[in-house]
């Protein structure tokens, strides 16, 4: 009797596993189609550019101070004047380093503040699709690849569009998202060519 129960359990286990449904989606496709994400990304890009411009202005100020020091300070310059000018340059460098740290911290905080609600919306939509579709797992394809996980798409349902539907993403949003990504890629290529 115990042997027959064990055999029955072993035979039914694969059937139970095959009855479970698995799903995958493209987080990047969902995000780029969301107007909220594109707006937040654009705002963050502008903030990052402002921080970069501020740091470049500080770098230029330091460079000019160093050039002025090198032109004006000679062996005949009194030690107290030389020390004062060196101290000014050191203070500028310290301010620059502090600004870098402050900008990084501020940018990370703003990024979290802007992206957290978007991520929550997506997670809620994924949970809704998982519940309504009775999926055991819903996995982001790119996260799976980054973690060396392989998704057999033949037995896993692609629920990207279902998640977009829950989020109210329209075909126009999808097209705008693709255009947005193309523009970002083009800008990145132009910046690389300029460097």
N, C-alpha and C. Protein backbone atom coordinates (compact mmCIF):
# COMPACT_ATOMS: atom_id res chain seq x y z
N UNK A 1 0.83 -1.19 0.00
CA UNK A 1 0.00 0.00 0.00
C UNK A 1 0.87 1.25 0.00
N UNK A 2 1.91 1.30 0.87
CA UNK A 2 2.78 2.46 0.92
C UNK A 2 3.53 2.62 -0.39
N UNK A 3 3.92 1.49 -0.98
CA UNK A 3 4.63 1.57 -2.27
C UNK A 3 3.72 2.13 -3.35
N UNK A 4 2.48 1.72 -3.36
CA UNK A 4 1.57 2.20 -4.40
C UNK A 4 1.27 3.69 -4.20
N UNK A 5 1.17 4.16 -2.95
CA UNK A 5 0.97 5.60 -2.69
C UNK A 5 2.19 6.40 -3.13
N UNK A 6 3.35 5.86 -2.85
CA UNK A 6 4.58 6.53 -3.25
C UNK A 6 4.68 6.60 -4.77
N UNK A 7 4.37 5.53 -5.43
CA UNK A 7 4.41 5.50 -6.90
C UNK A 7 3.38 6.48 -7.48
N UNK A 8 2.19 6.50 -6.90
CA UNK A 8 1.15 7.42 -7.37
C UNK A 8 1.59 8.86 -7.17
N UNK A 9 2.22 9.17 -6.04
CA UNK A 9 2.72 10.51 -5.76
C UNK A 9 3.79 10.90 -6.76
N UNK A 10 4.70 9.98 -7.02
CA UNK A 10 5.78 10.26 -7.97
C UNK A 10 5.24 10.45 -9.38
N UNK A 11 4.20 9.74 -9.73
CA UNK A 11 3.60 9.89 -11.06
C UNK A 11 2.81 11.18 -11.18
N UNK A 12 2.16 11.59 -10.11
CA UNK A 12 1.33 12.80 -10.16
C UNK A 12 2.15 14.08 -9.98
N UNK A 13 3.32 14.00 -9.38
CA UNK A 13 4.14 15.21 -9.15
C UNK A 13 4.46 15.94 -10.45
N UNK A 14 4.90 15.24 -11.51
CA UNK A 14 5.16 15.97 -12.76
C UNK A 14 3.89 16.60 -13.34
N UNK A 15 2.76 15.93 -13.15
CA UNK A 15 1.50 16.49 -13.66
C UNK A 15 1.14 17.75 -12.89
N UNK A 16 1.37 17.76 -11.60
CA UNK A 16 1.08 18.94 -10.79
C UNK A 16 2.00 20.08 -11.19
N UNK A 17 3.26 19.76 -11.46
CA UNK A 17 4.20 20.80 -11.89
C UNK A 17 3.81 21.36 -13.25
N UNK A 18 3.35 20.50 -14.15
CA UNK A 18 2.99 20.99 -15.48
C UNK A 18 1.72 21.82 -15.44
N UNK A 19 0.90 21.63 -14.41
CA UNK A 19 -0.33 22.42 -14.30
C UNK A 19 -0.04 23.84 -13.83
N UNK A 20 1.13 24.06 -13.24
CA UNK A 20 1.48 25.39 -12.78
C UNK A 20 1.82 26.26 -13.98
N UNK A 21 1.42 27.51 -13.90
CA UNK A 21 1.67 28.42 -15.02
C UNK A 21 2.77 29.41 -14.65
N UNK A 22 3.65 29.64 -15.59
CA UNK A 22 4.75 30.57 -15.42
C UNK A 22 4.61 31.68 -16.46
N UNK A 23 5.08 32.86 -16.09
CA UNK A 23 4.97 34.00 -17.01
C UNK A 23 6.24 34.84 -16.93
N UNK A 24 6.46 35.58 -17.98
CA UNK A 24 7.59 36.51 -18.03
C UNK A 24 7.10 37.80 -18.68
N UNK A 25 7.87 38.86 -18.48
CA UNK A 25 7.54 40.15 -19.09
C UNK A 25 8.81 40.95 -19.27
N UNK A 26 8.69 42.02 -20.04
CA UNK A 26 9.82 42.91 -20.27
C UNK A 26 9.58 44.19 -19.48
N UNK A 27 10.30 44.31 -18.37
CA UNK A 27 10.18 45.50 -17.53
C UNK A 27 10.57 46.75 -18.31
N UNK A 28 11.63 46.66 -19.11
CA UNK A 28 12.06 47.83 -19.87
C UNK A 28 10.99 48.29 -20.86
N UNK A 29 10.30 47.34 -21.51
CA UNK A 29 9.22 47.73 -22.43
C UNK A 29 8.08 48.40 -21.68
N UNK A 30 7.75 47.88 -20.51
CA UNK A 30 6.67 48.47 -19.72
C UNK A 30 7.05 49.88 -19.27
N UNK A 31 8.27 50.00 -18.73
CA UNK A 31 8.69 51.31 -18.21
C UNK A 31 8.76 52.36 -19.30
N UNK A 32 9.37 52.03 -20.42
CA UNK A 32 9.52 53.04 -21.47
C UNK A 32 8.18 53.45 -22.05
N UNK A 33 7.17 52.61 -21.93
CA UNK A 33 5.85 52.96 -22.45
C UNK A 33 5.04 53.82 -21.47
N UNK A 34 5.51 53.88 -20.23
CA UNK A 34 4.78 54.66 -19.22
C UNK A 34 5.13 56.14 -19.34
N UNK A 35 4.14 57.01 -19.54
CA UNK A 35 4.41 58.45 -19.57
C UNK A 35 5.07 58.94 -18.28
N UNK A 36 4.67 58.39 -17.13
CA UNK A 36 5.27 58.78 -15.84
C UNK A 36 6.77 58.53 -15.84
N UNK A 37 7.17 57.39 -16.37
CA UNK A 37 8.60 57.05 -16.40
C UNK A 37 9.35 58.00 -17.32
N UNK A 38 8.81 58.25 -18.50
CA UNK A 38 9.50 59.15 -19.44
C UNK A 38 9.64 60.54 -18.86
N UNK A 39 8.60 61.02 -18.18
CA UNK A 39 8.67 62.34 -17.54
C UNK A 39 9.72 62.36 -16.43
N UNK A 40 9.72 61.33 -15.59
CA UNK A 40 10.69 61.26 -14.49
C UNK A 40 12.11 61.16 -15.05
N UNK A 41 12.29 60.36 -16.08
CA UNK A 41 13.62 60.20 -16.69
C UNK A 41 14.11 61.53 -17.25
N UNK A 42 13.23 62.26 -17.93
CA UNK A 42 13.59 63.55 -18.51
C UNK A 42 13.94 64.55 -17.41
N UNK A 43 13.16 64.56 -16.32
CA UNK A 43 13.45 65.46 -15.20
C UNK A 43 14.80 65.11 -14.56
N UNK A 44 15.05 63.83 -14.37
CA UNK A 44 16.32 63.39 -13.78
C UNK A 44 17.49 63.71 -14.69
N UNK A 45 17.28 63.58 -15.97
CA UNK A 45 18.33 63.90 -16.93
C UNK A 45 18.67 65.40 -16.85
N UNK A 46 17.66 66.25 -16.72
CA UNK A 46 17.89 67.69 -16.61
C UNK A 46 18.62 68.03 -15.30
N UNK A 47 18.23 67.36 -14.23
CA UNK A 47 18.90 67.58 -12.94
C UNK A 47 20.36 67.15 -13.04
N UNK A 48 20.59 65.99 -13.62
CA UNK A 48 21.96 65.49 -13.79
C UNK A 48 22.80 66.43 -14.64
N UNK A 49 22.19 66.97 -15.69
CA UNK A 49 22.92 67.91 -16.55
C UNK A 49 23.27 69.19 -15.79
N UNK A 50 22.34 69.68 -14.97
CA UNK A 50 22.60 70.88 -14.17
C UNK A 50 23.75 70.63 -13.19
N UNK A 51 23.73 69.48 -12.53
CA UNK A 51 24.83 69.14 -11.62
C UNK A 51 26.15 69.07 -12.37
N UNK A 52 26.12 68.48 -13.54
CA UNK A 52 27.34 68.36 -14.35
C UNK A 52 27.85 69.74 -14.75
N UNK A 53 26.95 70.62 -15.16
CA UNK A 53 27.34 71.98 -15.54
C UNK A 53 27.94 72.73 -14.36
N UNK A 54 27.33 72.56 -13.18
CA UNK A 54 27.86 73.22 -11.98
C UNK A 54 29.28 72.74 -11.67
N UNK A 55 29.49 71.44 -11.77
CA UNK A 55 30.82 70.89 -11.50
C UNK A 55 31.84 71.35 -12.55
N UNK A 56 31.42 71.42 -13.79
CA UNK A 56 32.33 71.91 -14.84
C UNK A 56 32.73 73.35 -14.59
N UNK A 57 31.78 74.16 -14.13
CA UNK A 57 32.10 75.56 -13.81
C UNK A 57 33.11 75.62 -12.65
N UNK A 58 32.94 74.77 -11.68
CA UNK A 58 33.89 74.73 -10.56
C UNK A 58 35.27 74.25 -11.03
N UNK A 59 35.29 73.27 -11.92
CA UNK A 59 36.56 72.78 -12.47
C UNK A 59 37.27 73.91 -13.21
N UNK A 60 36.51 74.67 -13.97
CA UNK A 60 37.09 75.79 -14.73
C UNK A 60 37.65 76.84 -13.77
N UNK A 61 36.93 77.12 -12.69
CA UNK A 61 37.40 78.08 -11.70
C UNK A 61 38.72 77.61 -11.07
N UNK A 62 38.80 76.34 -10.77
CA UNK A 62 40.03 75.78 -10.19
C UNK A 62 41.17 75.88 -11.21
N UNK A 63 40.89 75.51 -12.44
CA UNK A 63 41.92 75.58 -13.49
C UNK A 63 42.44 77.00 -13.66
N UNK A 64 41.53 77.96 -13.66
CA UNK A 64 41.95 79.37 -13.82
C UNK A 64 42.78 79.83 -12.63
N UNK A 65 42.39 79.43 -11.42
CA UNK A 65 43.16 79.80 -10.22
C UNK A 65 44.57 79.20 -10.28
N UNK A 66 44.67 77.97 -10.74
CA UNK A 66 45.98 77.32 -10.83
C UNK A 66 46.84 78.04 -11.87
N UNK A 67 46.25 78.36 -13.01
CA UNK A 67 47.00 79.08 -14.05
C UNK A 67 47.47 80.44 -13.54
N UNK A 68 46.59 81.14 -12.86
CA UNK A 68 46.94 82.45 -12.31
C UNK A 68 48.06 82.30 -11.29
N UNK A 69 47.95 81.30 -10.45
CA UNK A 69 48.99 81.04 -9.45
C UNK A 69 50.33 80.77 -10.13
N UNK A 70 50.31 79.94 -11.15
CA UNK A 70 51.55 79.59 -11.84
C UNK A 70 52.18 80.80 -12.54
N UNK A 71 51.36 81.73 -13.02
CA UNK A 71 51.87 82.91 -13.70
C UNK A 71 52.40 83.96 -12.72
N UNK A 72 51.68 84.11 -11.60
CA UNK A 72 51.99 85.21 -10.69
C UNK A 72 52.97 84.85 -9.57
N UNK A 73 52.96 83.61 -9.16
CA UNK A 73 53.80 83.23 -8.03
C UNK A 73 55.17 82.78 -8.54
N UNK A 74 56.18 83.42 -8.01
CA UNK A 74 57.56 83.09 -8.36
C UNK A 74 58.35 82.84 -7.08
N UNK A 75 59.63 82.61 -7.26
CA UNK A 75 60.50 82.42 -6.08
C UNK A 75 60.56 83.70 -5.24
N UNK A 76 60.31 84.84 -5.88
CA UNK A 76 60.38 86.12 -5.17
C UNK A 76 59.09 86.44 -4.41
N UNK A 77 58.01 85.67 -4.67
CA UNK A 77 56.75 85.92 -3.98
C UNK A 77 56.89 85.56 -2.50
N UNK A 78 56.44 86.47 -1.63
CA UNK A 78 56.52 86.18 -0.19
C UNK A 78 55.77 84.89 0.16
N UNK A 79 56.28 84.19 1.14
CA UNK A 79 55.73 82.90 1.54
C UNK A 79 54.27 83.00 1.97
N UNK A 80 53.90 84.07 2.68
CA UNK A 80 52.52 84.20 3.15
C UNK A 80 51.53 84.36 1.99
N UNK A 81 51.92 85.06 0.95
CA UNK A 81 51.05 85.23 -0.23
C UNK A 81 50.95 83.90 -0.97
N UNK A 82 52.09 83.22 -1.14
CA UNK A 82 52.10 81.92 -1.82
C UNK A 82 51.20 80.93 -1.06
N UNK A 83 51.34 80.90 0.26
CA UNK A 83 50.53 79.99 1.08
C UNK A 83 49.04 80.32 0.99
N UNK A 84 48.72 81.61 0.98
CA UNK A 84 47.32 82.03 0.88
C UNK A 84 46.71 81.59 -0.45
N UNK A 85 47.46 81.76 -1.53
CA UNK A 85 46.96 81.34 -2.85
C UNK A 85 46.82 79.82 -2.94
N UNK A 86 47.77 79.10 -2.37
CA UNK A 86 47.69 77.64 -2.35
C UNK A 86 46.49 77.20 -1.52
N UNK A 87 46.25 77.90 -0.43
CA UNK A 87 45.11 77.59 0.43
C UNK A 87 43.80 77.83 -0.32
N UNK A 88 43.74 78.90 -1.11
CA UNK A 88 42.53 79.18 -1.91
C UNK A 88 42.26 78.04 -2.88
N UNK A 89 43.32 77.56 -3.53
CA UNK A 89 43.16 76.45 -4.49
C UNK A 89 42.70 75.19 -3.76
N UNK A 90 43.29 74.91 -2.62
CA UNK A 90 42.90 73.73 -1.84
C UNK A 90 41.44 73.82 -1.39
N UNK A 91 41.01 75.02 -0.98
CA UNK A 91 39.63 75.20 -0.56
C UNK A 91 38.67 75.00 -1.74
N UNK A 92 39.05 75.48 -2.92
CA UNK A 92 38.23 75.26 -4.11
C UNK A 92 38.11 73.78 -4.43
N UNK A 93 39.22 73.07 -4.32
CA UNK A 93 39.19 71.62 -4.57
C UNK A 93 38.31 70.90 -3.55
N UNK A 94 38.39 71.31 -2.30
CA UNK A 94 37.56 70.71 -1.26
C UNK A 94 36.08 71.00 -1.52
N UNK A 95 35.78 72.25 -1.92
CA UNK A 95 34.39 72.58 -2.26
C UNK A 95 33.90 71.75 -3.44
N UNK A 96 34.78 71.55 -4.41
CA UNK A 96 34.43 70.74 -5.58
C UNK A 96 34.11 69.30 -5.17
N UNK A 97 34.97 68.71 -4.35
CA UNK A 97 34.75 67.34 -3.89
C UNK A 97 33.47 67.23 -3.08
N UNK A 98 33.21 68.23 -2.23
CA UNK A 98 31.99 68.22 -1.43
C UNK A 98 30.76 68.35 -2.34
N UNK A 99 30.87 69.21 -3.35
CA UNK A 99 29.76 69.38 -4.29
C UNK A 99 29.49 68.08 -5.03
N UNK A 100 30.55 67.38 -5.41
CA UNK A 100 30.37 66.08 -6.09
C UNK A 100 29.60 65.12 -5.20
N UNK A 101 30.00 65.02 -3.95
CA UNK A 101 29.33 64.12 -3.01
C UNK A 101 27.88 64.55 -2.78
N UNK A 102 27.67 65.85 -2.58
CA UNK A 102 26.31 66.36 -2.35
C UNK A 102 25.42 66.11 -3.56
N UNK A 103 25.96 66.35 -4.76
CA UNK A 103 25.18 66.14 -5.98
C UNK A 103 24.81 64.67 -6.15
N UNK A 104 25.75 63.79 -5.86
CA UNK A 104 25.48 62.36 -5.99
C UNK A 104 24.38 61.94 -5.03
N UNK A 105 24.49 62.37 -3.78
CA UNK A 105 23.48 62.04 -2.77
C UNK A 105 22.12 62.61 -3.16
N UNK A 106 22.11 63.87 -3.55
CA UNK A 106 20.86 64.52 -3.93
C UNK A 106 20.23 63.84 -5.14
N UNK A 107 21.05 63.50 -6.13
CA UNK A 107 20.52 62.85 -7.33
C UNK A 107 19.92 61.49 -6.98
N UNK A 108 20.60 60.73 -6.15
CA UNK A 108 20.07 59.42 -5.75
C UNK A 108 18.75 59.56 -5.01
N UNK A 109 18.64 60.56 -4.15
CA UNK A 109 17.40 60.78 -3.42
C UNK A 109 16.27 61.16 -4.36
N UNK A 110 16.58 62.05 -5.31
CA UNK A 110 15.55 62.47 -6.26
C UNK A 110 15.16 61.32 -7.17
N UNK A 111 16.14 60.51 -7.55
CA UNK A 111 15.85 59.36 -8.39
C UNK A 111 14.92 58.40 -7.66
N UNK A 112 15.21 58.13 -6.41
CA UNK A 112 14.36 57.24 -5.63
C UNK A 112 12.97 57.83 -5.47
N UNK A 113 12.90 59.12 -5.19
CA UNK A 113 11.62 59.79 -4.99
C UNK A 113 10.76 59.73 -6.25
N UNK A 114 11.37 59.90 -7.41
CA UNK A 114 10.61 59.90 -8.65
C UNK A 114 10.29 58.49 -9.15
N UNK A 115 11.19 57.53 -8.91
CA UNK A 115 11.01 56.19 -9.47
C UNK A 115 10.22 55.25 -8.57
N UNK A 116 10.25 55.49 -7.28
CA UNK A 116 9.56 54.59 -6.35
C UNK A 116 8.06 54.45 -6.67
N UNK A 117 7.33 55.54 -6.90
CA UNK A 117 5.90 55.38 -7.23
C UNK A 117 5.68 54.64 -8.55
N UNK A 118 6.58 54.83 -9.49
CA UNK A 118 6.47 54.14 -10.78
C UNK A 118 6.70 52.64 -10.58
N UNK A 119 7.72 52.30 -9.82
CA UNK A 119 8.00 50.90 -9.55
C UNK A 119 6.84 50.24 -8.79
N UNK A 120 6.23 50.98 -7.88
CA UNK A 120 5.09 50.44 -7.13
C UNK A 120 3.92 50.17 -8.07
N UNK A 121 3.66 51.09 -8.99
CA UNK A 121 2.57 50.88 -9.97
C UNK A 121 2.82 49.61 -10.77
N UNK A 122 4.06 49.45 -11.21
CA UNK A 122 4.38 48.28 -12.03
C UNK A 122 4.24 47.01 -11.20
N UNK A 123 4.75 47.01 -9.98
CA UNK A 123 4.65 45.84 -9.12
C UNK A 123 3.19 45.49 -8.84
N UNK A 124 2.37 46.49 -8.60
CA UNK A 124 0.94 46.25 -8.39
C UNK A 124 0.31 45.63 -9.63
N UNK A 125 0.69 46.12 -10.80
CA UNK A 125 0.15 45.57 -12.05
C UNK A 125 0.61 44.13 -12.26
N UNK A 126 1.87 43.86 -11.96
CA UNK A 126 2.39 42.49 -12.08
C UNK A 126 1.64 41.57 -11.12
N UNK A 127 1.42 42.01 -9.90
CA UNK A 127 0.66 41.20 -8.93
C UNK A 127 -0.76 40.94 -9.40
N UNK A 128 -1.39 41.96 -9.98
CA UNK A 128 -2.75 41.80 -10.51
C UNK A 128 -2.77 40.75 -11.62
N UNK A 129 -1.82 40.85 -12.55
CA UNK A 129 -1.75 39.88 -13.65
C UNK A 129 -1.45 38.48 -13.11
N UNK A 130 -0.57 38.39 -12.13
CA UNK A 130 -0.23 37.08 -11.55
C UNK A 130 -1.46 36.44 -10.90
N UNK A 131 -2.22 37.24 -10.18
CA UNK A 131 -3.42 36.70 -9.52
C UNK A 131 -4.50 36.32 -10.53
N UNK A 132 -4.79 37.23 -11.44
CA UNK A 132 -5.87 36.94 -12.40
C UNK A 132 -5.50 35.83 -13.37
N UNK A 133 -4.23 35.72 -13.71
CA UNK A 133 -3.80 34.67 -14.63
C UNK A 133 -3.41 33.39 -13.93
N UNK A 134 -3.44 33.40 -12.58
CA UNK A 134 -3.09 32.25 -11.78
C UNK A 134 -1.67 31.76 -12.09
N UNK A 135 -0.73 32.73 -12.20
CA UNK A 135 0.66 32.39 -12.48
C UNK A 135 1.41 32.16 -11.17
N UNK A 136 2.25 31.15 -11.17
CA UNK A 136 3.06 30.85 -10.00
C UNK A 136 4.19 31.88 -9.90
N UNK A 137 4.84 32.15 -11.03
CA UNK A 137 5.93 33.12 -11.10
C UNK A 137 5.70 34.04 -12.28
N UNK A 138 6.03 35.30 -12.09
CA UNK A 138 6.08 36.27 -13.18
C UNK A 138 7.47 36.91 -13.08
N UNK A 139 8.29 36.68 -14.09
CA UNK A 139 9.70 37.06 -14.03
C UNK A 139 10.03 38.07 -15.12
N UNK A 140 10.80 39.09 -14.75
CA UNK A 140 11.32 40.06 -15.72
C UNK A 140 12.43 39.37 -16.52
N UNK A 141 12.34 39.44 -17.84
CA UNK A 141 13.32 38.75 -18.69
C UNK A 141 14.74 39.28 -18.48
N UNK A 142 14.92 40.58 -18.41
CA UNK A 142 16.28 41.11 -18.27
C UNK A 142 16.87 40.79 -16.90
N UNK A 143 16.05 40.81 -15.86
CA UNK A 143 16.55 40.43 -14.53
C UNK A 143 16.94 38.96 -14.51
N UNK A 144 16.17 38.14 -15.20
CA UNK A 144 16.51 36.71 -15.28
C UNK A 144 17.85 36.52 -15.97
N UNK A 145 18.06 37.23 -17.08
CA UNK A 145 19.33 37.11 -17.81
C UNK A 145 20.50 37.59 -16.95
N UNK A 146 20.32 38.68 -16.24
CA UNK A 146 21.39 39.20 -15.38
C UNK A 146 21.77 38.22 -14.28
N UNK A 147 20.82 37.39 -13.87
CA UNK A 147 21.07 36.42 -12.82
C UNK A 147 21.30 35.01 -13.38
N UNK A 148 21.64 34.96 -14.67
CA UNK A 148 21.94 33.69 -15.35
C UNK A 148 20.81 32.69 -15.27
N UNK A 149 19.59 33.19 -15.32
CA UNK A 149 18.40 32.32 -15.36
C UNK A 149 17.91 32.29 -16.80
N UNK A 150 17.50 31.13 -17.22
CA UNK A 150 16.99 30.98 -18.58
C UNK A 150 15.50 30.74 -18.50
N UNK A 151 14.76 31.50 -19.30
CA UNK A 151 13.31 31.34 -19.35
C UNK A 151 12.98 30.58 -20.63
N UNK A 152 12.32 29.47 -20.49
CA UNK A 152 11.85 28.72 -21.65
C UNK A 152 10.54 29.37 -22.08
N UNK A 153 10.63 30.26 -23.05
CA UNK A 153 9.46 31.03 -23.47
C UNK A 153 8.39 30.17 -24.14
N UNK A 154 8.73 28.92 -24.48
CA UNK A 154 7.73 28.02 -25.06
C UNK A 154 6.72 27.56 -24.01
N UNK A 155 7.12 27.53 -22.74
CA UNK A 155 6.20 27.09 -21.68
C UNK A 155 5.89 28.22 -20.70
N UNK A 156 6.37 29.41 -20.98
CA UNK A 156 6.12 30.56 -20.13
C UNK A 156 5.36 31.61 -20.94
N UNK A 157 4.31 32.15 -20.38
CA UNK A 157 3.49 33.13 -21.10
C UNK A 157 4.12 34.51 -21.00
N UNK A 158 4.14 35.25 -22.11
CA UNK A 158 4.61 36.63 -22.11
C UNK A 158 3.42 37.50 -21.72
N UNK A 159 3.50 38.12 -20.55
CA UNK A 159 2.38 38.92 -20.04
C UNK A 159 2.67 40.42 -20.08
N UNK A 160 3.65 40.81 -20.89
CA UNK A 160 4.01 42.23 -20.98
C UNK A 160 2.79 43.07 -21.34
N UNK A 161 2.06 42.65 -22.37
CA UNK A 161 0.90 43.43 -22.81
C UNK A 161 -0.19 43.45 -21.75
N UNK A 162 -0.37 42.35 -21.03
CA UNK A 162 -1.39 42.32 -19.97
C UNK A 162 -1.04 43.32 -18.87
N UNK A 163 0.25 43.40 -18.53
CA UNK A 163 0.69 44.36 -17.51
C UNK A 163 0.44 45.78 -18.01
N UNK A 164 0.75 46.01 -19.29
CA UNK A 164 0.50 47.34 -19.87
C UNK A 164 -0.98 47.67 -19.84
N UNK A 165 -1.82 46.67 -20.12
CA UNK A 165 -3.27 46.90 -20.10
C UNK A 165 -3.74 47.29 -18.69
N UNK A 166 -3.22 46.61 -17.68
CA UNK A 166 -3.58 46.94 -16.30
C UNK A 166 -3.16 48.36 -15.96
N UNK A 167 -2.00 48.78 -16.49
CA UNK A 167 -1.49 50.13 -16.23
C UNK A 167 -2.19 51.19 -17.09
N UNK A 168 -3.01 50.77 -18.03
CA UNK A 168 -3.71 51.72 -18.89
C UNK A 168 -2.83 52.30 -19.99
N UNK A 169 -1.80 51.56 -20.37
CA UNK A 169 -0.87 52.01 -21.41
C UNK A 169 -1.52 51.77 -22.77
N UNK A 170 -1.55 52.81 -23.57
CA UNK A 170 -2.18 52.75 -24.88
C UNK A 170 -1.14 52.46 -25.97
N UNK A 171 -1.60 52.10 -27.17
CA UNK A 171 -0.65 51.92 -28.28
C UNK A 171 0.15 53.20 -28.56
N UNK A 172 -0.47 54.36 -28.34
CA UNK A 172 0.23 55.63 -28.53
C UNK A 172 1.37 55.77 -27.52
N UNK A 173 1.11 55.32 -26.28
CA UNK A 173 2.16 55.35 -25.25
C UNK A 173 3.33 54.44 -25.64
N UNK A 174 3.01 53.28 -26.18
CA UNK A 174 4.05 52.33 -26.61
C UNK A 174 4.89 52.95 -27.72
N UNK A 175 4.22 53.58 -28.70
CA UNK A 175 4.94 54.23 -29.80
C UNK A 175 5.79 55.39 -29.27
N UNK A 176 5.25 56.16 -28.35
CA UNK A 176 6.01 57.27 -27.77
C UNK A 176 7.21 56.75 -26.99
N UNK A 177 7.04 55.62 -26.31
CA UNK A 177 8.14 55.01 -25.58
C UNK A 177 9.25 54.55 -26.51
N UNK A 178 8.89 53.95 -27.62
CA UNK A 178 9.91 53.50 -28.59
C UNK A 178 10.63 54.69 -29.19
N UNK A 179 9.91 55.75 -29.50
CA UNK A 179 10.53 56.97 -30.04
C UNK A 179 11.45 57.59 -29.00
N UNK A 180 11.04 57.56 -27.75
CA UNK A 180 11.84 58.10 -26.65
C UNK A 180 13.17 57.35 -26.53
N UNK A 181 13.10 56.03 -26.56
CA UNK A 181 14.31 55.21 -26.46
C UNK A 181 15.22 55.46 -27.66
N UNK A 182 14.64 55.55 -28.85
CA UNK A 182 15.44 55.81 -30.05
C UNK A 182 16.15 57.16 -29.94
N UNK A 183 15.45 58.16 -29.43
CA UNK A 183 16.05 59.49 -29.26
C UNK A 183 17.19 59.45 -28.23
N UNK A 184 16.98 58.73 -27.13
CA UNK A 184 18.02 58.61 -26.09
C UNK A 184 19.26 57.90 -26.65
N UNK A 185 19.04 56.86 -27.45
CA UNK A 185 20.16 56.14 -28.05
C UNK A 185 20.91 57.03 -29.03
N UNK A 186 20.18 57.81 -29.80
CA UNK A 186 20.81 58.72 -30.75
C UNK A 186 21.63 59.79 -30.03
N UNK A 187 21.10 60.34 -28.95
CA UNK A 187 21.82 61.35 -28.17
C UNK A 187 23.08 60.75 -27.56
N UNK A 188 22.98 59.51 -27.08
CA UNK A 188 24.15 58.84 -26.49
C UNK A 188 25.23 58.63 -27.55
N UNK A 189 24.83 58.24 -28.75
CA UNK A 189 25.80 58.06 -29.84
C UNK A 189 26.47 59.37 -30.21
N UNK A 190 25.69 60.44 -30.25
CA UNK A 190 26.27 61.75 -30.58
C UNK A 190 27.27 62.19 -29.51
N UNK A 191 26.96 61.93 -28.25
CA UNK A 191 27.89 62.30 -27.17
C UNK A 191 29.17 61.47 -27.27
N UNK A 192 29.06 60.22 -27.63
CA UNK A 192 30.25 59.39 -27.79
C UNK A 192 31.11 59.87 -28.94
N UNK A 193 30.49 60.30 -30.01
CA UNK A 193 31.22 60.79 -31.17
C UNK A 193 31.93 62.10 -30.85
N UNK A 194 31.32 62.92 -30.00
CA UNK A 194 31.93 64.20 -29.63
C UNK A 194 33.13 64.01 -28.72
N UNK A 195 33.18 62.91 -28.01
CA UNK A 195 34.29 62.66 -27.09
C UNK A 195 35.38 62.01 -27.83
